[in-house]
Amino acid sequence: MVVVVVVVVVVVVVVVVVVVVVVVVVVVVVVVVVVVVVVVVCCCCCQWSVAASVLEILHKLLVEHEVKPEHFIDEPCIDFVQPRSTTPAVMSKPPGHTILVHLTSDSAMLKTVRFSL
């Protein structure tokens, strides 16, 4: 009975990790394509240079983001401020995670990125 439970838990964890990795790869590829298209289109247009810069920043944050399962829990991340501290501090989720969430849902950010194309 215990072995079955352990196997089920391991399978569920592996499936979740694979899904998260696939979503991250798809989003990074989409952002790279969007950045390339925007930069190519914006070369001649000064008014779009801000949009291109913003997309470059978004791309940088997404590329540097390391997906962790705890980012997908709705509870706030808790970490200790100092190594010897016993008082936990609530930390926000990484910016790359927030961008991923906004780009994988029907959000204002996604609509803005689509509009900039």
N, C-alpha and C. Protein backbone atom coordinates (compact mmCIF):
# COMPACT_ATOMS: atom_id res chain seq x y z
N MET A 1 0.83 -1.20 0.00
CA MET A 1 0.00 0.00 0.00
C MET A 1 0.87 1.26 0.00
N VAL A 2 1.90 1.27 0.85
CA VAL A 2 2.79 2.42 0.94
C VAL A 2 3.56 2.61 -0.36
N VAL A 3 3.96 1.51 -0.97
CA VAL A 3 4.72 1.58 -2.22
C VAL A 3 3.86 2.20 -3.32
N VAL A 4 2.60 1.83 -3.37
CA VAL A 4 1.68 2.38 -4.37
C VAL A 4 1.53 3.88 -4.19
N VAL A 5 1.40 4.32 -2.97
CA VAL A 5 1.26 5.76 -2.68
C VAL A 5 2.52 6.50 -3.09
N VAL A 6 3.67 5.95 -2.79
CA VAL A 6 4.94 6.59 -3.15
C VAL A 6 5.07 6.67 -4.67
N VAL A 7 4.72 5.61 -5.37
CA VAL A 7 4.80 5.61 -6.83
C VAL A 7 3.85 6.65 -7.42
N VAL A 8 2.65 6.74 -6.90
CA VAL A 8 1.68 7.73 -7.39
C VAL A 8 2.20 9.14 -7.15
N VAL A 9 2.75 9.40 -5.99
CA VAL A 9 3.28 10.73 -5.69
C VAL A 9 4.44 11.07 -6.62
N VAL A 10 5.32 10.13 -6.86
CA VAL A 10 6.46 10.37 -7.75
C VAL A 10 5.97 10.64 -9.17
N VAL A 11 5.00 9.88 -9.64
CA VAL A 11 4.46 10.09 -10.98
C VAL A 11 3.81 11.46 -11.10
N VAL A 12 3.05 11.86 -10.10
CA VAL A 12 2.40 13.18 -10.12
C VAL A 12 3.45 14.29 -10.13
N VAL A 13 4.48 14.18 -9.33
CA VAL A 13 5.54 15.20 -9.30
C VAL A 13 6.24 15.28 -10.64
N VAL A 14 6.54 14.14 -11.23
CA VAL A 14 7.22 14.14 -12.54
C VAL A 14 6.33 14.78 -13.60
N VAL A 15 5.05 14.46 -13.60
CA VAL A 15 4.13 15.05 -14.58
C VAL A 15 4.05 16.56 -14.40
N VAL A 16 3.96 17.02 -13.17
CA VAL A 16 3.88 18.47 -12.91
C VAL A 16 5.16 19.15 -13.38
N VAL A 17 6.31 18.59 -13.10
CA VAL A 17 7.57 19.19 -13.52
C VAL A 17 7.66 19.23 -15.04
N VAL A 18 7.27 18.17 -15.71
CA VAL A 18 7.31 18.15 -17.18
C VAL A 18 6.38 19.20 -17.76
N VAL A 19 5.18 19.32 -17.22
CA VAL A 19 4.23 20.32 -17.71
C VAL A 19 4.79 21.73 -17.51
N VAL A 20 5.37 21.98 -16.36
CA VAL A 20 5.93 23.31 -16.07
C VAL A 20 7.07 23.62 -17.04
N VAL A 21 7.94 22.66 -17.28
CA VAL A 21 9.06 22.88 -18.20
C VAL A 21 8.55 23.14 -19.60
N VAL A 22 7.56 22.40 -20.05
CA VAL A 22 7.00 22.61 -21.39
C VAL A 22 6.39 24.00 -21.50
N VAL A 23 5.64 24.42 -20.50
CA VAL A 23 5.03 25.76 -20.52
C VAL A 23 6.11 26.83 -20.56
N VAL A 24 7.15 26.68 -19.78
CA VAL A 24 8.23 27.67 -19.76
C VAL A 24 8.91 27.74 -21.12
N VAL A 25 9.20 26.60 -21.72
CA VAL A 25 9.86 26.59 -23.02
C VAL A 25 8.98 27.26 -24.07
N VAL A 26 7.69 26.95 -24.07
CA VAL A 26 6.78 27.56 -25.05
C VAL A 26 6.72 29.07 -24.86
N VAL A 27 6.60 29.52 -23.63
CA VAL A 27 6.51 30.96 -23.37
C VAL A 27 7.80 31.66 -23.76
N VAL A 28 8.94 31.08 -23.45
CA VAL A 28 10.22 31.69 -23.81
C VAL A 28 10.36 31.78 -25.33
N VAL A 29 9.97 30.74 -26.04
CA VAL A 29 10.04 30.77 -27.50
C VAL A 29 9.12 31.85 -28.06
N VAL A 30 7.91 31.95 -27.53
CA VAL A 30 6.97 32.99 -27.99
C VAL A 30 7.53 34.37 -27.72
N VAL A 31 8.09 34.57 -26.54
CA VAL A 31 8.65 35.89 -26.21
C VAL A 31 9.83 36.22 -27.11
N VAL A 32 10.68 35.24 -27.39
CA VAL A 32 11.81 35.49 -28.28
C VAL A 32 11.32 35.89 -29.67
N VAL A 33 10.32 35.18 -30.18
CA VAL A 33 9.76 35.52 -31.49
C VAL A 33 9.16 36.92 -31.46
N VAL A 34 8.43 37.24 -30.41
CA VAL A 34 7.81 38.56 -30.30
C VAL A 34 8.89 39.64 -30.26
N VAL A 35 9.94 39.41 -29.48
CA VAL A 35 11.02 40.40 -29.38
C VAL A 35 11.69 40.60 -30.73
N VAL A 36 11.98 39.53 -31.42
CA VAL A 36 12.63 39.64 -32.73
C VAL A 36 11.74 40.39 -33.70
N VAL A 37 10.47 40.06 -33.76
CA VAL A 37 9.55 40.74 -34.68
C VAL A 37 9.43 42.21 -34.32
N VAL A 38 9.28 42.52 -33.06
CA VAL A 38 9.14 43.91 -32.64
C VAL A 38 10.40 44.69 -32.95
N VAL A 39 11.55 44.12 -32.68
CA VAL A 39 12.81 44.82 -32.94
C VAL A 39 12.98 45.07 -34.44
N VAL A 40 12.66 44.08 -35.26
CA VAL A 40 12.78 44.24 -36.71
C VAL A 40 11.83 45.32 -37.20
N VAL A 41 10.60 45.29 -36.73
CA VAL A 41 9.61 46.27 -37.16
C VAL A 41 9.94 47.66 -36.63
N CYS A 42 10.51 47.73 -35.45
CA CYS A 42 10.75 49.01 -34.79
C CYS A 42 12.05 49.69 -35.21
N CYS A 43 12.85 49.07 -36.02
CA CYS A 43 14.12 49.68 -36.39
C CYS A 43 13.93 51.06 -37.01
N CYS A 44 12.90 51.22 -37.81
CA CYS A 44 12.68 52.49 -38.51
C CYS A 44 11.75 53.43 -37.74
N CYS A 45 11.10 52.96 -36.73
CA CYS A 45 10.09 53.76 -36.04
C CYS A 45 10.57 54.10 -34.63
N CYS A 46 10.80 55.37 -34.38
CA CYS A 46 11.27 55.80 -33.05
C CYS A 46 10.21 55.58 -31.99
N GLN A 47 8.95 55.70 -32.39
CA GLN A 47 7.88 55.58 -31.40
C GLN A 47 7.79 54.17 -30.81
N TRP A 48 8.33 53.19 -31.51
CA TRP A 48 8.28 51.82 -31.03
C TRP A 48 9.55 51.41 -30.28
N SER A 49 10.50 52.30 -30.14
CA SER A 49 11.74 51.93 -29.45
C SER A 49 11.51 51.60 -27.98
N VAL A 50 10.55 52.27 -27.36
CA VAL A 50 10.23 51.96 -25.96
C VAL A 50 9.64 50.56 -25.86
N ALA A 51 8.74 50.23 -26.78
CA ALA A 51 8.14 48.89 -26.78
C ALA A 51 9.22 47.82 -26.96
N ALA A 52 10.14 48.06 -27.84
CA ALA A 52 11.22 47.10 -28.07
C ALA A 52 12.07 46.92 -26.82
N SER A 53 12.36 48.02 -26.14
CA SER A 53 13.16 47.94 -24.91
C SER A 53 12.43 47.17 -23.82
N VAL A 54 11.14 47.42 -23.69
CA VAL A 54 10.35 46.70 -22.68
C VAL A 54 10.33 45.21 -22.98
N LEU A 55 10.15 44.86 -24.25
CA LEU A 55 10.14 43.45 -24.62
C LEU A 55 11.51 42.80 -24.38
N GLU A 56 12.57 43.54 -24.57
CA GLU A 56 13.90 43.00 -24.28
C GLU A 56 14.06 42.72 -22.78
N ILE A 57 13.52 43.61 -21.96
CA ILE A 57 13.59 43.40 -20.50
C ILE A 57 12.77 42.18 -20.11
N LEU A 58 11.55 42.06 -20.67
CA LEU A 58 10.72 40.89 -20.40
C LEU A 58 11.44 39.61 -20.81
N HIS A 59 12.06 39.64 -21.96
CA HIS A 59 12.80 38.47 -22.44
C HIS A 59 13.93 38.12 -21.48
N LYS A 60 14.68 39.12 -21.03
CA LYS A 60 15.79 38.88 -20.10
C LYS A 60 15.28 38.24 -18.80
N LEU A 61 14.18 38.77 -18.26
CA LEU A 61 13.64 38.22 -17.02
C LEU A 61 13.15 36.78 -17.20
N LEU A 62 12.56 36.50 -18.35
CA LEU A 62 12.07 35.14 -18.60
C LEU A 62 13.22 34.15 -18.80
N VAL A 63 14.24 34.57 -19.50
CA VAL A 63 15.37 33.68 -19.73
C VAL A 63 16.09 33.36 -18.42
N GLU A 64 16.20 34.33 -17.53
CA GLU A 64 16.91 34.13 -16.27
C GLU A 64 16.05 33.43 -15.22
N HIS A 65 14.76 33.29 -15.46
CA HIS A 65 13.85 32.70 -14.48
C HIS A 65 14.05 31.19 -14.39
N GLU A 66 14.16 30.69 -13.17
CA GLU A 66 14.26 29.25 -12.94
C GLU A 66 12.95 28.80 -12.29
N VAL A 67 12.23 27.95 -12.99
CA VAL A 67 10.93 27.51 -12.50
C VAL A 67 11.12 26.54 -11.34
N LYS A 68 10.36 26.79 -10.27
CA LYS A 68 10.38 25.91 -9.10
C LYS A 68 8.94 25.60 -8.74
N PRO A 69 8.67 24.40 -8.27
CA PRO A 69 7.29 24.03 -7.93
C PRO A 69 6.64 24.95 -6.89
N GLU A 70 7.43 25.46 -5.94
CA GLU A 70 6.85 26.32 -4.90
C GLU A 70 6.33 27.65 -5.44
N HIS A 71 6.73 28.03 -6.65
CA HIS A 71 6.21 29.26 -7.26
C HIS A 71 4.75 29.12 -7.62
N PHE A 72 4.27 27.88 -7.79
CA PHE A 72 2.91 27.65 -8.23
C PHE A 72 1.94 27.44 -7.07
N ILE A 73 2.43 27.53 -5.86
CA ILE A 73 1.57 27.44 -4.68
C ILE A 73 1.03 28.84 -4.40
N ASP A 74 -0.27 28.92 -4.08
CA ASP A 74 -0.90 30.23 -3.88
C ASP A 74 -0.48 30.91 -2.59
N GLU A 75 0.18 30.19 -1.70
CA GLU A 75 0.64 30.79 -0.46
C GLU A 75 1.89 31.62 -0.73
N PRO A 76 2.13 32.68 0.04
CA PRO A 76 3.35 33.48 -0.17
C PRO A 76 4.60 32.68 0.18
N CYS A 77 5.68 32.99 -0.52
CA CYS A 77 6.97 32.35 -0.22
C CYS A 77 7.49 32.89 1.10
N ILE A 78 7.97 32.01 1.94
CA ILE A 78 8.51 32.45 3.23
C ILE A 78 9.98 32.07 3.27
N ASP A 79 10.78 33.03 3.65
CA ASP A 79 12.22 32.80 3.75
C ASP A 79 12.71 33.52 4.99
N PHE A 80 13.86 33.12 5.48
CA PHE A 80 14.43 33.78 6.64
C PHE A 80 15.34 34.91 6.17
N VAL A 81 15.17 36.08 6.80
CA VAL A 81 15.89 37.27 6.39
C VAL A 81 17.39 37.10 6.56
N GLN A 82 17.80 36.59 7.68
CA GLN A 82 19.22 36.36 7.95
C GLN A 82 19.39 34.90 8.33
N PRO A 83 20.58 34.36 8.12
CA PRO A 83 20.80 32.93 8.43
C PRO A 83 20.46 32.55 9.87
N ARG A 84 20.71 33.44 10.81
CA ARG A 84 20.46 33.13 12.23
C ARG A 84 19.09 33.60 12.70
N SER A 85 18.33 34.22 11.83
CA SER A 85 17.04 34.77 12.22
C SER A 85 16.02 33.66 12.38
N THR A 86 15.16 33.81 13.36
CA THR A 86 14.06 32.87 13.55
C THR A 86 12.74 33.47 13.08
N THR A 87 12.79 34.72 12.63
CA THR A 87 11.59 35.40 12.15
C THR A 87 11.51 35.27 10.63
N PRO A 88 10.48 34.60 10.14
CA PRO A 88 10.36 34.46 8.69
C PRO A 88 9.88 35.76 8.05
N ALA A 89 10.29 35.98 6.82
CA ALA A 89 9.85 37.15 6.07
C ALA A 89 9.12 36.66 4.83
N VAL A 90 8.00 37.30 4.50
CA VAL A 90 7.24 36.94 3.32
C VAL A 90 7.92 37.56 2.11
N MET A 91 8.21 36.74 1.11
CA MET A 91 8.87 37.22 -0.10
C MET A 91 7.91 37.09 -1.27
N SER A 92 8.01 38.02 -2.20
CA SER A 92 7.17 37.94 -3.38
C SER A 92 7.74 36.90 -4.34
N LYS A 93 6.92 36.50 -5.29
CA LYS A 93 7.37 35.53 -6.29
C LYS A 93 8.34 36.23 -7.24
N PRO A 94 9.21 35.50 -7.90
CA PRO A 94 10.18 36.12 -8.82
C PRO A 94 9.46 36.80 -9.99
N PRO A 95 10.06 37.86 -10.55
CA PRO A 95 9.41 38.57 -11.66
C PRO A 95 9.18 37.68 -12.87
N GLY A 96 10.07 36.73 -13.13
CA GLY A 96 9.89 35.83 -14.26
C GLY A 96 8.62 34.99 -14.11
N HIS A 97 8.32 34.58 -12.89
CA HIS A 97 7.10 33.80 -12.64
C HIS A 97 5.86 34.66 -12.91
N THR A 98 5.88 35.87 -12.43
CA THR A 98 4.73 36.76 -12.64
C THR A 98 4.51 37.02 -14.13
N ILE A 99 5.59 37.21 -14.87
CA ILE A 99 5.47 37.42 -16.32
C ILE A 99 4.89 36.17 -16.98
N LEU A 100 5.38 35.00 -16.59
CA LEU A 100 4.84 33.76 -17.15
C LEU A 100 3.34 33.63 -16.90
N VAL A 101 2.93 33.95 -15.68
CA VAL A 101 1.51 33.85 -15.35
C VAL A 101 0.69 34.80 -16.22
N HIS A 102 1.18 36.02 -16.40
CA HIS A 102 0.44 37.00 -17.20
C HIS A 102 0.43 36.65 -18.69
N LEU A 103 1.50 36.05 -19.18
CA LEU A 103 1.55 35.72 -20.61
C LEU A 103 0.84 34.41 -20.94
N THR A 104 0.54 33.60 -19.94
CA THR A 104 -0.17 32.35 -20.19
C THR A 104 -1.65 32.44 -19.83
N SER A 105 -2.12 33.63 -19.52
CA SER A 105 -3.55 33.84 -19.27
C SER A 105 -4.02 35.04 -20.10
N ASP A 106 -5.31 35.21 -20.17
CA ASP A 106 -5.87 36.32 -20.96
C ASP A 106 -5.78 37.60 -20.12
N SER A 107 -4.59 38.19 -20.08
CA SER A 107 -4.34 39.35 -19.22
C SER A 107 -4.10 40.60 -20.05
N ALA A 108 -4.07 41.73 -19.36
CA ALA A 108 -3.78 43.01 -20.02
C ALA A 108 -2.36 43.00 -20.59
N MET A 109 -1.43 42.35 -19.90
CA MET A 109 -0.06 42.30 -20.39
C MET A 109 0.00 41.54 -21.73
N LEU A 110 -0.69 40.40 -21.81
CA LEU A 110 -0.71 39.64 -23.05
C LEU A 110 -1.33 40.45 -24.18
N LYS A 111 -2.41 41.16 -23.89
CA LYS A 111 -3.06 41.98 -24.91
C LYS A 111 -2.14 43.12 -25.36
N THR A 112 -1.37 43.69 -24.44
CA THR A 112 -0.44 44.76 -24.79
C THR A 112 0.69 44.24 -25.67
N VAL A 113 1.20 43.06 -25.33
CA VAL A 113 2.28 42.47 -26.15
C VAL A 113 1.73 42.15 -27.55
N ARG A 114 0.52 41.62 -27.62
CA ARG A 114 -0.08 41.35 -28.92
C ARG A 114 -0.26 42.63 -29.73
N PHE A 115 -0.69 43.70 -29.06
CA PHE A 115 -0.92 44.98 -29.74
C PHE A 115 0.37 45.54 -30.30
N SER A 116 1.49 45.32 -29.59
CA SER A 116 2.75 45.89 -30.03
C SER A 116 3.27 45.22 -31.29
N LEU A 117 2.69 44.10 -31.66
CA LEU A 117 3.11 43.46 -32.91
C LEU A 117 2.48 44.20 -34.04
